[in-house]
């Protein structure tokens, strides 16, 4: 079986934060699908980066996990890094 990979890039073009972009990577293989999420962001408040960035990262992670759990019934979520979320789903 051939492994299929799809990439979906996103970039914020308007909003309150300085930068928000990234991608979803979907890998289909013989055992199902793996969905990877990567985001890079900058809140634009340099003096508070050390405090706000971890809070924003955790909030984003929780939001993405909730979305994926809502979309898929049988998933296994693994957090590899704060910026990386790996999900396995039968597809």
N, C-alpha and C. Protein backbone atom coordinates (compact mmCIF):
# COMPACT_ATOMS: atom_id res chain seq x y z
N UNK A 1 0.84 -1.19 0.00
CA UNK A 1 0.00 0.00 0.00
C UNK A 1 0.88 1.25 0.00
N UNK A 2 0.50 2.20 -0.79
CA UNK A 2 1.22 3.45 -0.89
C UNK A 2 0.80 4.40 0.24
N UNK A 3 1.76 5.07 0.85
CA UNK A 3 1.48 6.06 1.88
C UNK A 3 1.12 7.37 1.21
N UNK A 4 0.00 7.96 1.62
CA UNK A 4 -0.44 9.24 1.06
C UNK A 4 -0.28 10.32 2.12
N UNK A 5 0.22 11.47 1.71
CA UNK A 5 0.42 12.59 2.62
C UNK A 5 -0.27 13.82 2.04
N UNK A 6 -1.03 14.51 2.88
CA UNK A 6 -1.66 15.77 2.48
C UNK A 6 -1.25 16.84 3.48
N UNK A 7 -0.96 18.02 2.96
CA UNK A 7 -0.60 19.16 3.80
C UNK A 7 -1.62 20.27 3.60
N UNK A 8 -2.03 20.89 4.69
CA UNK A 8 -2.94 22.03 4.66
C UNK A 8 -2.30 23.15 5.46
N UNK A 9 -1.89 24.20 4.77
CA UNK A 9 -1.23 25.32 5.41
C UNK A 9 -2.24 26.39 5.77
N UNK A 10 -1.99 27.11 6.85
CA UNK A 10 -2.84 28.24 7.21
C UNK A 10 -1.97 29.40 7.68
N UNK A 11 -2.52 30.59 7.52
CA UNK A 11 -1.84 31.81 7.97
C UNK A 11 -2.90 32.85 8.33
N UNK A 12 -2.77 33.43 9.50
CA UNK A 12 -3.69 34.48 9.91
C UNK A 12 -3.38 35.72 9.07
N UNK A 13 -4.40 36.29 8.47
CA UNK A 13 -4.19 37.49 7.66
C UNK A 13 -4.74 38.73 8.35
N UNK A 14 -5.52 38.53 9.40
CA UNK A 14 -6.10 39.65 10.11
C UNK A 14 -6.42 39.20 11.53
N UNK A 15 -6.17 40.05 12.51
CA UNK A 15 -6.50 39.69 13.88
C UNK A 15 -5.68 40.45 14.89
N UNK A 16 -5.84 40.07 16.14
CA UNK A 16 -5.23 40.80 17.25
C UNK A 16 -3.80 40.39 17.56
N UNK A 17 -3.39 39.19 17.16
CA UNK A 17 -2.04 38.77 17.49
C UNK A 17 -1.10 39.05 16.32
N UNK A 18 0.18 39.11 16.61
CA UNK A 18 1.19 39.48 15.61
C UNK A 18 1.33 38.44 14.50
N UNK A 19 1.38 37.15 14.88
CA UNK A 19 1.62 36.08 13.90
C UNK A 19 0.93 34.81 14.36
N UNK A 20 0.29 34.12 13.42
CA UNK A 20 -0.28 32.81 13.68
C UNK A 20 -0.35 32.08 12.35
N UNK A 21 0.47 31.06 12.19
CA UNK A 21 0.47 30.26 10.98
C UNK A 21 0.91 28.85 11.31
N UNK A 22 0.76 27.98 10.34
CA UNK A 22 1.17 26.59 10.56
C UNK A 22 0.58 25.67 9.52
N UNK A 23 0.44 24.40 9.91
CA UNK A 23 -0.10 23.43 8.96
C UNK A 23 -0.67 22.22 9.68
N UNK A 24 -1.55 21.53 8.97
CA UNK A 24 -2.04 20.21 9.32
C UNK A 24 -1.38 19.25 8.33
N UNK A 25 -0.89 18.14 8.80
CA UNK A 25 -0.30 17.12 7.93
C UNK A 25 -1.05 15.82 8.19
N UNK A 26 -1.64 15.27 7.14
CA UNK A 26 -2.41 14.04 7.26
C UNK A 26 -1.69 12.96 6.48
N UNK A 27 -1.37 11.89 7.19
CA UNK A 27 -0.63 10.78 6.60
C UNK A 27 -1.54 9.54 6.66
N UNK A 28 -1.89 9.03 5.48
CA UNK A 28 -2.71 7.83 5.41
C UNK A 28 -1.81 6.65 5.10
N UNK A 29 -1.89 5.61 5.93
CA UNK A 29 -1.09 4.41 5.70
C UNK A 29 -1.96 3.18 5.93
N UNK A 30 -1.38 2.00 5.95
CA UNK A 30 -2.18 0.77 6.04
C UNK A 30 -2.93 0.63 7.37
N UNK A 31 -2.47 1.27 8.42
CA UNK A 31 -3.14 1.14 9.72
C UNK A 31 -4.14 2.25 10.01
N UNK A 32 -4.26 3.24 9.15
CA UNK A 32 -5.21 4.33 9.37
C UNK A 32 -4.61 5.66 8.96
N UNK A 33 -4.87 6.67 9.75
CA UNK A 33 -4.36 8.02 9.47
C UNK A 33 -3.66 8.58 10.69
N UNK A 34 -2.66 9.38 10.42
CA UNK A 34 -1.99 10.15 11.46
C UNK A 34 -2.17 11.61 11.07
N UNK A 35 -2.64 12.42 12.02
CA UNK A 35 -2.85 13.83 11.78
C UNK A 35 -1.88 14.61 12.66
N UNK A 36 -1.03 15.41 12.04
CA UNK A 36 -0.07 16.23 12.78
C UNK A 36 -0.50 17.68 12.66
N UNK A 37 -0.39 18.41 13.75
CA UNK A 37 -0.72 19.83 13.75
C UNK A 37 0.50 20.61 14.22
N UNK A 38 0.86 21.64 13.48
CA UNK A 38 1.96 22.52 13.86
C UNK A 38 1.48 23.95 13.75
N UNK A 39 1.77 24.75 14.76
CA UNK A 39 1.43 26.17 14.72
C UNK A 39 2.59 26.98 15.27
N UNK A 40 2.80 28.12 14.67
CA UNK A 40 3.79 29.08 15.13
C UNK A 40 3.05 30.39 15.37
N UNK A 41 3.25 30.98 16.52
CA UNK A 41 2.52 32.20 16.85
C UNK A 41 3.40 33.17 17.62
N UNK A 42 3.02 34.42 17.54
CA UNK A 42 3.65 35.48 18.31
C UNK A 42 2.54 36.42 18.73
N UNK A 43 2.35 36.56 20.02
CA UNK A 43 1.27 37.40 20.53
C UNK A 43 1.57 38.88 20.36
N UNK A 44 2.83 39.23 20.14
CA UNK A 44 3.19 40.62 19.91
C UNK A 44 3.35 41.45 21.16
N UNK A 45 3.49 40.79 22.30
CA UNK A 45 3.70 41.51 23.57
C UNK A 45 5.02 41.01 24.14
N UNK A 46 6.12 41.54 23.64
CA UNK A 46 7.45 41.02 23.96
C UNK A 46 7.74 40.97 25.46
N UNK A 47 7.32 41.96 26.19
CA UNK A 47 7.61 42.00 27.64
C UNK A 47 6.96 40.84 28.39
N UNK A 48 5.87 40.29 27.85
CA UNK A 48 5.13 39.25 28.56
C UNK A 48 5.23 37.88 27.88
N UNK A 49 6.13 37.74 26.90
CA UNK A 49 6.25 36.47 26.17
C UNK A 49 6.45 35.27 27.09
N UNK A 50 7.31 35.40 28.07
CA UNK A 50 7.61 34.27 28.96
C UNK A 50 6.39 33.82 29.74
N UNK A 51 5.48 34.72 29.99
CA UNK A 51 4.27 34.39 30.76
C UNK A 51 3.14 33.95 29.83
N UNK A 52 2.91 34.73 28.76
CA UNK A 52 1.74 34.50 27.92
C UNK A 52 1.90 33.37 26.91
N UNK A 53 3.10 33.17 26.36
CA UNK A 53 3.28 32.13 25.34
C UNK A 53 2.92 30.73 25.83
N UNK A 54 3.35 30.31 27.02
CA UNK A 54 2.94 28.97 27.47
C UNK A 54 1.43 28.85 27.69
N UNK A 55 0.81 29.92 28.15
CA UNK A 55 -0.65 29.91 28.36
C UNK A 55 -1.35 29.79 27.01
N UNK A 56 -0.93 30.59 26.04
CA UNK A 56 -1.53 30.54 24.71
C UNK A 56 -1.29 29.18 24.05
N UNK A 57 -0.11 28.62 24.21
CA UNK A 57 0.20 27.31 23.64
C UNK A 57 -0.68 26.22 24.22
N UNK A 58 -0.86 26.23 25.53
CA UNK A 58 -1.72 25.23 26.17
C UNK A 58 -3.18 25.40 25.77
N UNK A 59 -3.63 26.63 25.65
CA UNK A 59 -5.00 26.89 25.22
C UNK A 59 -5.22 26.41 23.78
N UNK A 60 -4.26 26.68 22.92
CA UNK A 60 -4.35 26.21 21.53
C UNK A 60 -4.35 24.69 21.49
N UNK A 61 -3.49 24.06 22.25
CA UNK A 61 -3.43 22.60 22.30
C UNK A 61 -4.75 22.01 22.77
N UNK A 62 -5.32 22.56 23.83
CA UNK A 62 -6.61 22.07 24.35
C UNK A 62 -7.72 22.25 23.31
N UNK A 63 -7.69 23.37 22.61
CA UNK A 63 -8.71 23.63 21.59
C UNK A 63 -8.61 22.65 20.43
N UNK A 64 -7.41 22.40 19.94
CA UNK A 64 -7.21 21.47 18.84
C UNK A 64 -7.61 20.05 19.26
N UNK A 65 -7.23 19.66 20.47
CA UNK A 65 -7.62 18.33 20.96
C UNK A 65 -9.14 18.21 21.03
N UNK A 66 -9.83 19.24 21.51
CA UNK A 66 -11.29 19.20 21.60
C UNK A 66 -11.93 19.10 20.23
N UNK A 67 -11.40 19.83 19.27
CA UNK A 67 -11.93 19.77 17.91
C UNK A 67 -11.77 18.36 17.35
N UNK A 68 -10.60 17.77 17.49
CA UNK A 68 -10.35 16.43 16.94
C UNK A 68 -11.18 15.36 17.64
N UNK A 69 -11.34 15.48 18.94
CA UNK A 69 -12.17 14.52 19.67
C UNK A 69 -13.62 14.64 19.21
N UNK A 70 -14.06 15.87 18.92
CA UNK A 70 -15.41 16.06 18.41
C UNK A 70 -15.61 15.52 17.01
N UNK A 71 -14.57 15.54 16.20
CA UNK A 71 -14.66 15.07 14.82
C UNK A 71 -14.55 13.56 14.67
N UNK A 72 -13.73 12.94 15.50
CA UNK A 72 -13.42 11.52 15.33
C UNK A 72 -13.78 10.75 16.59
N UNK A 73 -14.40 9.58 16.39
CA UNK A 73 -14.82 8.77 17.52
C UNK A 73 -13.68 7.96 18.13
N UNK A 74 -12.87 7.38 17.30
CA UNK A 74 -11.84 6.45 17.77
C UNK A 74 -10.45 7.04 17.50
N UNK A 75 -9.99 7.90 18.42
CA UNK A 75 -8.68 8.53 18.20
C UNK A 75 -7.78 8.27 19.40
N UNK A 76 -6.50 8.37 19.12
CA UNK A 76 -5.47 8.31 20.16
C UNK A 76 -4.62 9.56 19.98
N UNK A 77 -4.57 10.41 20.97
CA UNK A 77 -3.85 11.68 20.87
C UNK A 77 -2.54 11.58 21.64
N UNK A 78 -1.46 11.99 20.98
CA UNK A 78 -0.14 12.04 21.58
C UNK A 78 0.43 13.44 21.42
N UNK A 79 0.86 14.03 22.50
CA UNK A 79 1.49 15.34 22.44
C UNK A 79 2.99 15.13 22.51
N UNK A 80 3.69 15.46 21.42
CA UNK A 80 5.12 15.26 21.36
C UNK A 80 5.89 16.49 21.84
N UNK A 81 5.39 17.65 21.48
CA UNK A 81 5.93 18.93 21.92
C UNK A 81 4.74 19.87 22.05
N UNK A 82 4.95 21.00 22.66
CA UNK A 82 3.84 21.93 22.77
C UNK A 82 3.32 22.33 21.40
N UNK A 83 4.20 22.41 20.40
CA UNK A 83 3.79 22.82 19.07
C UNK A 83 3.37 21.65 18.19
N UNK A 84 3.46 20.42 18.68
CA UNK A 84 3.17 19.26 17.86
C UNK A 84 2.09 18.40 18.49
N UNK A 85 1.08 18.08 17.72
CA UNK A 85 -0.01 17.23 18.18
C UNK A 85 -0.17 16.12 17.17
N UNK A 86 -0.10 14.88 17.60
CA UNK A 86 -0.20 13.73 16.72
C UNK A 86 -1.47 12.96 17.06
N UNK A 87 -2.27 12.66 16.06
CA UNK A 87 -3.53 11.94 16.26
C UNK A 87 -3.57 10.78 15.30
N UNK A 88 -3.97 9.63 15.79
CA UNK A 88 -4.14 8.47 14.92
C UNK A 88 -5.62 8.12 14.86
N UNK A 89 -6.12 7.93 13.66
CA UNK A 89 -7.54 7.65 13.43
C UNK A 89 -7.66 6.70 12.27
N UNK A 90 -8.59 5.77 12.35
CA UNK A 90 -8.87 4.92 11.20
C UNK A 90 -9.57 5.77 10.16
N UNK A 91 -9.13 5.65 8.91
CA UNK A 91 -9.79 6.44 7.86
C UNK A 91 -10.03 5.61 6.62
